[in-house]
mmCIF file of all heavy atoms, coordinates in Angstrom:
data_MODEL
# 
_entry.id   MODEL 
# 
loop_
_atom_site.group_PDB 
_atom_site.id 
_atom_site.type_symbol 
_atom_site.label_atom_id 
_atom_site.label_alt_id 
_atom_site.label_comp_id 
_atom_site.label_asym_id 
_atom_site.label_entity_id 
_atom_site.label_seq_id 
_atom_site.pdbx_PDB_ins_code 
_atom_site.Cartn_x 
_atom_site.Cartn_y 
_atom_site.Cartn_z 
_atom_site.occupancy 
_atom_site.B_iso_or_equiv 
_atom_site.pdbx_formal_charge 
_atom_site.auth_seq_id 
_atom_site.auth_comp_id 
_atom_site.auth_asym_id 
_atom_site.auth_atom_id 
_atom_site.pdbx_PDB_model_num 
ATOM 1   N N   . PHE A 1 1  ? 3.106  -7.769  -2.659  1.00 0.00 ? 1  PHE A N   1 
ATOM 2   C CA  . PHE A 1 1  ? 2.074  -7.766  -1.629  1.00 0.00 ? 1  PHE A CA  1 
ATOM 3   C C   . PHE A 1 1  ? 2.731  -7.348  -0.298  1.00 0.00 ? 1  PHE A C   1 
ATOM 4   O O   . PHE A 1 1  ? 1.901  -6.662  0.498   1.00 0.00 ? 1  PHE A O   1 
ATOM 5   C CB  . PHE A 1 1  ? 1.450  -9.119  -1.548  1.00 0.00 ? 1  PHE A CB  1 
ATOM 6   C CG  . PHE A 1 1  ? 0.366  -9.254  -0.577  1.00 0.00 ? 1  PHE A CG  1 
ATOM 7   C CD1 . PHE A 1 1  ? -0.954 -8.825  -0.857  1.00 0.00 ? 1  PHE A CD1 1 
ATOM 8   C CD2 . PHE A 1 1  ? 0.636  -9.837  0.753   1.00 0.00 ? 1  PHE A CD2 1 
ATOM 9   C CE1 . PHE A 1 1  ? -1.972 -8.935  0.087   1.00 0.00 ? 1  PHE A CE1 1 
ATOM 10  C CE2 . PHE A 1 1  ? -0.484 -9.845  1.673   1.00 0.00 ? 1  PHE A CE2 1 
ATOM 11  C CZ  . PHE A 1 1  ? -1.760 -9.495  1.284   1.00 0.00 ? 1  PHE A CZ  1 
ATOM 12  N N   . ILE A 1 2  ? 3.874  -7.647  -0.038  1.00 0.00 ? 2  ILE A N   1 
ATOM 13  C CA  . ILE A 1 2  ? 4.480  -7.443  1.344   1.00 0.00 ? 2  ILE A CA  1 
ATOM 14  C C   . ILE A 1 2  ? 4.968  -5.994  1.445   1.00 0.00 ? 2  ILE A C   1 
ATOM 15  O O   . ILE A 1 2  ? 4.671  -5.299  2.415   1.00 0.00 ? 2  ILE A O   1 
ATOM 16  C CB  . ILE A 1 2  ? 5.635  -8.356  1.559   1.00 0.00 ? 2  ILE A CB  1 
ATOM 17  C CG1 . ILE A 1 2  ? 5.214  -9.859  1.613   1.00 0.00 ? 2  ILE A CG1 1 
ATOM 18  C CG2 . ILE A 1 2  ? 6.470  -8.028  2.761   1.00 0.00 ? 2  ILE A CG2 1 
ATOM 19  C CD1 . ILE A 1 2  ? 6.257  -10.824 1.675   1.00 0.00 ? 2  ILE A CD1 1 
ATOM 20  N N   . VAL A 1 3  ? 5.738  -5.418  0.423   1.00 0.00 ? 3  VAL A N   1 
ATOM 21  C CA  . VAL A 1 3  ? 6.487  -4.186  0.631   1.00 0.00 ? 3  VAL A CA  1 
ATOM 22  C C   . VAL A 1 3  ? 5.541  -2.962  0.851   1.00 0.00 ? 3  VAL A C   1 
ATOM 23  O O   . VAL A 1 3  ? 5.802  -2.122  1.752   1.00 0.00 ? 3  VAL A O   1 
ATOM 24  C CB  . VAL A 1 3  ? 7.328  -3.944  -0.603  1.00 0.00 ? 3  VAL A CB  1 
ATOM 25  C CG1 . VAL A 1 3  ? 8.031  -2.583  -0.484  1.00 0.00 ? 3  VAL A CG1 1 
ATOM 26  C CG2 . VAL A 1 3  ? 8.504  -4.994  -0.664  1.00 0.00 ? 3  VAL A CG2 1 
ATOM 27  N N   . PRO A 1 4  ? 4.426  -2.902  0.199   1.00 0.00 ? 4  PRO A N   1 
ATOM 28  C CA  . PRO A 1 4  ? 3.594  -1.704  0.445   1.00 0.00 ? 4  PRO A CA  1 
ATOM 29  C C   . PRO A 1 4  ? 3.039  -1.731  1.874   1.00 0.00 ? 4  PRO A C   1 
ATOM 30  O O   . PRO A 1 4  ? 2.668  -0.576  2.332   1.00 0.00 ? 4  PRO A O   1 
ATOM 31  C CB  . PRO A 1 4  ? 2.484  -1.773  -0.582  1.00 0.00 ? 4  PRO A CB  1 
ATOM 32  C CG  . PRO A 1 4  ? 3.004  -2.689  -1.690  1.00 0.00 ? 4  PRO A CG  1 
ATOM 33  C CD  . PRO A 1 4  ? 3.927  -3.635  -0.997  1.00 0.00 ? 4  PRO A CD  1 
ATOM 34  N N   . ALA A 1 5  ? 2.909  -2.817  2.518   1.00 0.00 ? 5  ALA A N   1 
ATOM 35  C CA  . ALA A 1 5  ? 2.411  -2.875  3.899   1.00 0.00 ? 5  ALA A CA  1 
ATOM 36  C C   . ALA A 1 5  ? 3.450  -2.526  4.979   1.00 0.00 ? 5  ALA A C   1 
ATOM 37  O O   . ALA A 1 5  ? 3.181  -2.410  6.139   1.00 0.00 ? 5  ALA A O   1 
ATOM 38  C CB  . ALA A 1 5  ? 1.878  -4.289  4.157   1.00 0.00 ? 5  ALA A CB  1 
ATOM 39  N N   . GLU A 1 6  ? 4.709  -2.239  4.421   1.00 0.00 ? 6  GLU A N   1 
ATOM 40  C CA  . GLU A 1 6  ? 5.829  -1.935  5.345   1.00 0.00 ? 6  GLU A CA  1 
ATOM 41  C C   . GLU A 1 6  ? 6.372  -0.541  5.238   1.00 0.00 ? 6  GLU A C   1 
ATOM 42  O O   . GLU A 1 6  ? 7.157  -0.079  6.136   1.00 0.00 ? 6  GLU A O   1 
ATOM 43  C CB  . GLU A 1 6  ? 6.888  -2.985  5.135   1.00 0.00 ? 6  GLU A CB  1 
ATOM 44  C CG  . GLU A 1 6  ? 6.489  -4.428  5.475   1.00 0.00 ? 6  GLU A CG  1 
ATOM 45  C CD  . GLU A 1 6  ? 7.660  -5.370  5.223   1.00 0.00 ? 6  GLU A CD  1 
ATOM 46  O OE1 . GLU A 1 6  ? 8.295  -5.251  4.191   1.00 0.00 ? 6  GLU A OE1 1 
ATOM 47  O OE2 . GLU A 1 6  ? 7.918  -6.199  6.157   1.00 0.00 ? 6  GLU A OE2 1 
ATOM 48  N N   . LEU A 1 7  ? 6.161  0.070   4.134   1.00 0.00 ? 7  LEU A N   1 
ATOM 49  C CA  . LEU A 1 7  ? 6.842  1.350   3.807   1.00 0.00 ? 7  LEU A CA  1 
ATOM 50  C C   . LEU A 1 7  ? 6.223  2.618   4.272   1.00 0.00 ? 7  LEU A C   1 
ATOM 51  O O   . LEU A 1 7  ? 6.990  3.614   4.528   1.00 0.00 ? 7  LEU A O   1 
ATOM 52  C CB  . LEU A 1 7  ? 7.101  1.383   2.280   1.00 0.00 ? 7  LEU A CB  1 
ATOM 53  C CG  . LEU A 1 7  ? 8.402  0.671   1.752   1.00 0.00 ? 7  LEU A CG  1 
ATOM 54  C CD1 . LEU A 1 7  ? 8.362  0.877   0.240   1.00 0.00 ? 7  LEU A CD1 1 
ATOM 55  C CD2 . LEU A 1 7  ? 9.669  1.282   2.401   1.00 0.00 ? 7  LEU A CD2 1 
ATOM 56  N N   . PHE A 1 8  ? 4.934  2.629   4.434   1.00 0.00 ? 8  PHE A N   1 
ATOM 57  C CA  . PHE A 1 8  ? 4.213  3.971   4.553   1.00 0.00 ? 8  PHE A CA  1 
ATOM 58  C C   . PHE A 1 8  ? 3.753  4.183   6.028   1.00 0.00 ? 8  PHE A C   1 
ATOM 59  O O   . PHE A 1 8  ? 3.564  3.347   6.784   1.00 0.00 ? 8  PHE A O   1 
ATOM 60  C CB  . PHE A 1 8  ? 3.019  4.005   3.599   1.00 0.00 ? 8  PHE A CB  1 
ATOM 61  C CG  . PHE A 1 8  ? 3.456  3.806   2.177   1.00 0.00 ? 8  PHE A CG  1 
ATOM 62  C CD1 . PHE A 1 8  ? 3.378  2.512   1.604   1.00 0.00 ? 8  PHE A CD1 1 
ATOM 63  C CD2 . PHE A 1 8  ? 4.018  4.843   1.420   1.00 0.00 ? 8  PHE A CD2 1 
ATOM 64  C CE1 . PHE A 1 8  ? 3.728  2.331   0.265   1.00 0.00 ? 8  PHE A CE1 1 
ATOM 65  C CE2 . PHE A 1 8  ? 4.453  4.593   0.093   1.00 0.00 ? 8  PHE A CE2 1 
ATOM 66  C CZ  . PHE A 1 8  ? 4.280  3.340   -0.484  1.00 0.00 ? 8  PHE A CZ  1 
ATOM 67  N N   . PRO A 1 9  ? 3.543  5.440   6.286   1.00 0.00 ? 9  PRO A N   1 
ATOM 68  C CA  . PRO A 1 9  ? 2.983  5.826   7.666   1.00 0.00 ? 9  PRO A CA  1 
ATOM 69  C C   . PRO A 1 9  ? 1.696  5.120   8.020   1.00 0.00 ? 9  PRO A C   1 
ATOM 70  O O   . PRO A 1 9  ? 0.915  4.868   7.087   1.00 0.00 ? 9  PRO A O   1 
ATOM 71  C CB  . PRO A 1 9  ? 2.808  7.362   7.607   1.00 0.00 ? 9  PRO A CB  1 
ATOM 72  C CG  . PRO A 1 9  ? 3.739  7.839   6.508   1.00 0.00 ? 9  PRO A CG  1 
ATOM 73  C CD  . PRO A 1 9  ? 3.724  6.663   5.531   1.00 0.00 ? 9  PRO A CD  1 
ATOM 74  N N   . ALA A 1 10 ? 1.373  4.925   9.228   1.00 0.00 ? 10 ALA A N   1 
ATOM 75  C CA  . ALA A 1 10 ? 0.148  4.227   9.574   1.00 0.00 ? 10 ALA A CA  1 
ATOM 76  C C   . ALA A 1 10 ? -1.082 4.858   9.076   1.00 0.00 ? 10 ALA A C   1 
ATOM 77  O O   . ALA A 1 10 ? -2.069 4.125   8.685   1.00 0.00 ? 10 ALA A O   1 
ATOM 78  C CB  . ALA A 1 10 ? 0.050  4.175   11.163  1.00 0.00 ? 10 ALA A CB  1 
ATOM 79  N N   . ARG A 1 11 ? -1.154 6.250   8.981   1.00 0.00 ? 11 ARG A N   1 
ATOM 80  C CA  . ARG A 1 11 ? -2.407 6.905   8.530   1.00 0.00 ? 11 ARG A CA  1 
ATOM 81  C C   . ARG A 1 11 ? -2.551 6.724   7.021   1.00 0.00 ? 11 ARG A C   1 
ATOM 82  O O   . ARG A 1 11 ? -3.635 7.154   6.517   1.00 0.00 ? 11 ARG A O   1 
ATOM 83  C CB  . ARG A 1 11 ? -2.376 8.398   8.922   1.00 0.00 ? 11 ARG A CB  1 
ATOM 84  C CG  . ARG A 1 11 ? -1.253 9.133   8.315   1.00 0.00 ? 11 ARG A CG  1 
ATOM 85  C CD  . ARG A 1 11 ? -1.063 10.512  9.048   1.00 0.00 ? 11 ARG A CD  1 
ATOM 86  N NE  . ARG A 1 11 ? -0.112 11.274  8.355   1.00 0.00 ? 11 ARG A NE  1 
ATOM 87  C CZ  . ARG A 1 11 ? 1.235  11.014  8.448   1.00 0.00 ? 11 ARG A CZ  1 
ATOM 88  N NH1 . ARG A 1 11 ? 1.762  10.058  9.271   1.00 0.00 ? 11 ARG A NH1 1 
ATOM 89  N NH2 . ARG A 1 11 ? 2.064  11.821  7.901   1.00 0.00 ? 11 ARG A NH2 1 
ATOM 90  N N   . PHE A 1 12 ? -1.477 6.418   6.315   1.00 0.00 ? 12 PHE A N   1 
ATOM 91  C CA  . PHE A 1 12 ? -1.590 6.116   4.809   1.00 0.00 ? 12 PHE A CA  1 
ATOM 92  C C   . PHE A 1 12 ? -1.356 4.804   4.379   1.00 0.00 ? 12 PHE A C   1 
ATOM 93  O O   . PHE A 1 12 ? -1.371 4.466   3.192   1.00 0.00 ? 12 PHE A O   1 
ATOM 94  C CB  . PHE A 1 12 ? -0.555 7.049   4.067   1.00 0.00 ? 12 PHE A CB  1 
ATOM 95  C CG  . PHE A 1 12 ? -0.740 8.526   4.376   1.00 0.00 ? 12 PHE A CG  1 
ATOM 96  C CD1 . PHE A 1 12 ? 0.380  9.289   4.601   1.00 0.00 ? 12 PHE A CD1 1 
ATOM 97  C CD2 . PHE A 1 12 ? -1.982 9.130   4.482   1.00 0.00 ? 12 PHE A CD2 1 
ATOM 98  C CE1 . PHE A 1 12 ? 0.229  10.717  4.899   1.00 0.00 ? 12 PHE A CE1 1 
ATOM 99  C CE2 . PHE A 1 12 ? -2.073 10.470  4.705   1.00 0.00 ? 12 PHE A CE2 1 
ATOM 100 C CZ  . PHE A 1 12 ? -0.969 11.257  4.958   1.00 0.00 ? 12 PHE A CZ  1 
ATOM 101 N N   . ARG A 1 13 ? -1.045 3.869   5.279   1.00 0.00 ? 13 ARG A N   1 
ATOM 102 C CA  . ARG A 1 13 ? -0.530 2.437   4.917   1.00 0.00 ? 13 ARG A CA  1 
ATOM 103 C C   . ARG A 1 13 ? -1.559 1.746   4.042   1.00 0.00 ? 13 ARG A C   1 
ATOM 104 O O   . ARG A 1 13 ? -1.204 1.211   3.059   1.00 0.00 ? 13 ARG A O   1 
ATOM 105 C CB  . ARG A 1 13 ? -0.215 1.820   6.224   1.00 0.00 ? 13 ARG A CB  1 
ATOM 106 C CG  . ARG A 1 13 ? 0.510  0.413   5.982   1.00 0.00 ? 13 ARG A CG  1 
ATOM 107 C CD  . ARG A 1 13 ? 1.037  -0.103  7.286   1.00 0.00 ? 13 ARG A CD  1 
ATOM 108 N NE  . ARG A 1 13 ? 2.202  0.675   7.695   1.00 0.00 ? 13 ARG A NE  1 
ATOM 109 C CZ  . ARG A 1 13 ? 2.312  1.101   8.890   1.00 0.00 ? 13 ARG A CZ  1 
ATOM 110 N NH1 . ARG A 1 13 ? 1.402  0.765   9.815   1.00 0.00 ? 13 ARG A NH1 1 
ATOM 111 N NH2 . ARG A 1 13 ? 3.267  1.797   9.285   1.00 0.00 ? 13 ARG A NH2 1 
ATOM 112 N N   . SER A 1 14 ? -2.722 1.645   4.523   1.00 0.00 ? 14 SER A N   1 
ATOM 113 C CA  . SER A 1 14 ? -3.722 0.924   3.816   1.00 0.00 ? 14 SER A CA  1 
ATOM 114 C C   . SER A 1 14 ? -4.109 1.499   2.479   1.00 0.00 ? 14 SER A C   1 
ATOM 115 O O   . SER A 1 14 ? -4.234 0.860   1.478   1.00 0.00 ? 14 SER A O   1 
ATOM 116 C CB  . SER A 1 14 ? -5.055 0.835   4.742   1.00 0.00 ? 14 SER A CB  1 
ATOM 117 O OG  . SER A 1 14 ? -6.048 0.026   4.009   1.00 0.00 ? 14 SER A OG  1 
ATOM 118 N N   . THR A 1 15 ? -4.198 2.818   2.406   1.00 0.00 ? 15 THR A N   1 
ATOM 119 C CA  . THR A 1 15 ? -4.418 3.561   1.188   1.00 0.00 ? 15 THR A CA  1 
ATOM 120 C C   . THR A 1 15 ? -3.363 3.237   0.091   1.00 0.00 ? 15 THR A C   1 
ATOM 121 O O   . THR A 1 15 ? -3.658 3.003   -0.946  1.00 0.00 ? 15 THR A O   1 
ATOM 122 C CB  . THR A 1 15 ? -4.482 5.087   1.466   1.00 0.00 ? 15 THR A CB  1 
ATOM 123 O OG1 . THR A 1 15 ? -5.624 5.298   2.504   1.00 0.00 ? 15 THR A OG1 1 
ATOM 124 C CG2 . THR A 1 15 ? -4.865 5.881   0.188   1.00 0.00 ? 15 THR A CG2 1 
ATOM 125 N N   . CYS A 1 16 ? -2.110 3.389   0.554   1.00 0.00 ? 16 CYS A N   1 
ATOM 126 C CA  . CYS A 1 16 ? -0.958 3.298   -0.435  1.00 0.00 ? 16 CYS A CA  1 
ATOM 127 C C   . CYS A 1 16 ? -0.920 1.813   -0.791  1.00 0.00 ? 16 CYS A C   1 
ATOM 128 O O   . CYS A 1 16 ? -0.601 1.538   -1.980  1.00 0.00 ? 16 CYS A O   1 
ATOM 129 C CB  . CYS A 1 16 ? 0.331  3.639   0.222   1.00 0.00 ? 16 CYS A CB  1 
ATOM 130 S SG  . CYS A 1 16 ? 0.460  5.489   0.521   1.00 0.00 ? 16 CYS A SG  1 
ATOM 131 N N   . HIS A 1 17 ? -1.290 0.914   0.025   1.00 0.00 ? 17 HIS A N   1 
ATOM 132 C CA  . HIS A 1 17 ? -1.223 -0.520  -0.431  1.00 0.00 ? 17 HIS A CA  1 
ATOM 133 C C   . HIS A 1 17 ? -2.374 -0.691  -1.405  1.00 0.00 ? 17 HIS A C   1 
ATOM 134 O O   . HIS A 1 17 ? -2.140 -1.402  -2.444  1.00 0.00 ? 17 HIS A O   1 
ATOM 135 C CB  . HIS A 1 17 ? -1.510 -1.476  0.799   1.00 0.00 ? 17 HIS A CB  1 
ATOM 136 C CG  . HIS A 1 17 ? -1.170 -2.960  0.487   1.00 0.00 ? 17 HIS A CG  1 
ATOM 137 N ND1 . HIS A 1 17 ? -2.045 -3.671  -0.269  1.00 0.00 ? 17 HIS A ND1 1 
ATOM 138 C CD2 . HIS A 1 17 ? -0.103 -3.699  0.841   1.00 0.00 ? 17 HIS A CD2 1 
ATOM 139 C CE1 . HIS A 1 17 ? -1.517 -4.910  -0.406  1.00 0.00 ? 17 HIS A CE1 1 
ATOM 140 N NE2 . HIS A 1 17 ? -0.337 -4.905  0.276   1.00 0.00 ? 17 HIS A NE2 1 
ATOM 141 N N   . GLY A 1 18 ? -3.560 -0.104  -1.185  1.00 0.00 ? 18 GLY A N   1 
ATOM 142 C CA  . GLY A 1 18 ? -4.667 -0.225  -2.092  1.00 0.00 ? 18 GLY A CA  1 
ATOM 143 C C   . GLY A 1 18 ? -4.306 0.410   -3.515  1.00 0.00 ? 18 GLY A C   1 
ATOM 144 O O   . GLY A 1 18 ? -4.658 -0.186  -4.515  1.00 0.00 ? 18 GLY A O   1 
ATOM 145 N N   . ILE A 1 19 ? -3.555 1.546   -3.484  1.00 0.00 ? 19 ILE A N   1 
ATOM 146 C CA  . ILE A 1 19 ? -3.176 2.232   -4.660  1.00 0.00 ? 19 ILE A CA  1 
ATOM 147 C C   . ILE A 1 19 ? -2.308 1.274   -5.522  1.00 0.00 ? 19 ILE A C   1 
ATOM 148 O O   . ILE A 1 19 ? -2.357 1.101   -6.715  1.00 0.00 ? 19 ILE A O   1 
ATOM 149 C CB  . ILE A 1 19 ? -2.569 3.490   -4.433  1.00 0.00 ? 19 ILE A CB  1 
ATOM 150 C CG1 . ILE A 1 19 ? -3.667 4.443   -3.886  1.00 0.00 ? 19 ILE A CG1 1 
ATOM 151 C CG2 . ILE A 1 19 ? -1.940 4.120   -5.758  1.00 0.00 ? 19 ILE A CG2 1 
ATOM 152 C CD1 . ILE A 1 19 ? -3.085 5.794   -3.448  1.00 0.00 ? 19 ILE A CD1 1 
ATOM 153 N N   . SER A 1 20 ? -1.285 0.808   -4.834  1.00 0.00 ? 20 SER A N   1 
ATOM 154 C CA  . SER A 1 20 ? -0.298 -0.182  -5.456  1.00 0.00 ? 20 SER A CA  1 
ATOM 155 C C   . SER A 1 20 ? -0.968 -1.363  -6.004  1.00 0.00 ? 20 SER A C   1 
ATOM 156 O O   . SER A 1 20 ? -0.747 -1.792  -7.201  1.00 0.00 ? 20 SER A O   1 
ATOM 157 C CB  . SER A 1 20 ? 0.731  -0.640  -4.390  1.00 0.00 ? 20 SER A CB  1 
ATOM 158 O OG  . SER A 1 20 ? 1.343  0.519   -3.821  1.00 0.00 ? 20 SER A OG  1 
ATOM 159 N N   . GLY A 1 21 ? -1.957 -1.992  -5.243  1.00 0.00 ? 21 GLY A N   1 
ATOM 160 C CA  . GLY A 1 21 ? -2.609 -3.100  -5.729  1.00 0.00 ? 21 GLY A CA  1 
ATOM 161 C C   . GLY A 1 21 ? -3.467 -2.864  -6.942  1.00 0.00 ? 21 GLY A C   1 
ATOM 162 O O   . GLY A 1 21 ? -3.692 -3.646  -7.783  1.00 0.00 ? 21 GLY A O   1 
ATOM 163 N N   . ALA A 1 22 ? -4.207 -1.646  -6.898  1.00 0.00 ? 22 ALA A N   1 
ATOM 164 C CA  . ALA A 1 22 ? -5.016 -1.281  -7.921  1.00 0.00 ? 22 ALA A CA  1 
ATOM 165 C C   . ALA A 1 22 ? -4.265 -1.152  -9.287  1.00 0.00 ? 22 ALA A C   1 
ATOM 166 O O   . ALA A 1 22 ? -4.779 -1.473  -10.347 1.00 0.00 ? 22 ALA A O   1 
ATOM 167 C CB  . ALA A 1 22 ? -5.749 0.047   -7.636  1.00 0.00 ? 22 ALA A CB  1 
ATOM 168 N N   . MET A 1 23 ? -3.014 -0.495  -9.183  1.00 0.00 ? 23 MET A N   1 
ATOM 169 C CA  . MET A 1 23 ? -2.197 -0.526  -10.338 1.00 0.00 ? 23 MET A CA  1 
ATOM 170 C C   . MET A 1 23 ? -1.869 -1.869  -10.847 1.00 0.00 ? 23 MET A C   1 
ATOM 171 O O   . MET A 1 23 ? -1.649 -2.056  -12.041 1.00 0.00 ? 23 MET A O   1 
ATOM 172 C CB  . MET A 1 23 ? -0.938 0.335   -10.028 1.00 0.00 ? 23 MET A CB  1 
ATOM 173 C CG  . MET A 1 23 ? -1.169 1.838   -9.945  1.00 0.00 ? 23 MET A CG  1 
ATOM 174 S SD  . MET A 1 23 ? -1.838 2.581   -11.392 1.00 0.00 ? 23 MET A SD  1 
ATOM 175 C CE  . MET A 1 23 ? -0.513 2.094   -12.591 1.00 0.00 ? 23 MET A CE  1 
ATOM 176 N N   . GLY A 1 24 ? -1.594 -2.802  -10.007 1.00 0.00 ? 24 GLY A N   1 
ATOM 177 C CA  . GLY A 1 24 ? -1.365 -4.092  -10.395 1.00 0.00 ? 24 GLY A CA  1 
ATOM 178 C C   . GLY A 1 24 ? -2.515 -4.669  -11.104 1.00 0.00 ? 24 GLY A C   1 
ATOM 179 O O   . GLY A 1 24 ? -2.321 -5.361  -12.235 1.00 0.00 ? 24 GLY A O   1 
ATOM 180 N N   . LYS A 1 25 ? -3.803 -4.463  -10.701 1.00 0.00 ? 25 LYS A N   1 
ATOM 181 C CA  . LYS A 1 25 ? -4.886 -5.014  -11.438 1.00 0.00 ? 25 LYS A CA  1 
ATOM 182 C C   . LYS A 1 25 ? -5.106 -4.352  -12.655 1.00 0.00 ? 25 LYS A C   1 
ATOM 183 O O   . LYS A 1 25 ? -5.657 -4.841  -13.661 1.00 0.00 ? 25 LYS A O   1 
ATOM 184 C CB  . LYS A 1 25 ? -6.169 -4.996  -10.422 1.00 0.00 ? 25 LYS A CB  1 
ATOM 185 C CG  . LYS A 1 25 ? -6.077 -5.900  -9.341  1.00 0.00 ? 25 LYS A CG  1 
ATOM 186 C CD  . LYS A 1 25 ? -5.780 -7.390  -9.786  1.00 0.00 ? 25 LYS A CD  1 
ATOM 187 C CE  . LYS A 1 25 ? -5.558 -8.335  -8.720  1.00 0.00 ? 25 LYS A CE  1 
ATOM 188 N NZ  . LYS A 1 25 ? -4.174 -8.206  -8.161  1.00 0.00 ? 25 LYS A NZ  1 
# 
């Protein structure tokens, strides 16, 4: 939950976290 919120640029951060979480589900 933490790492995807720290790795990506601001304009992609929420999107990439959502993609990571969706793969989790």
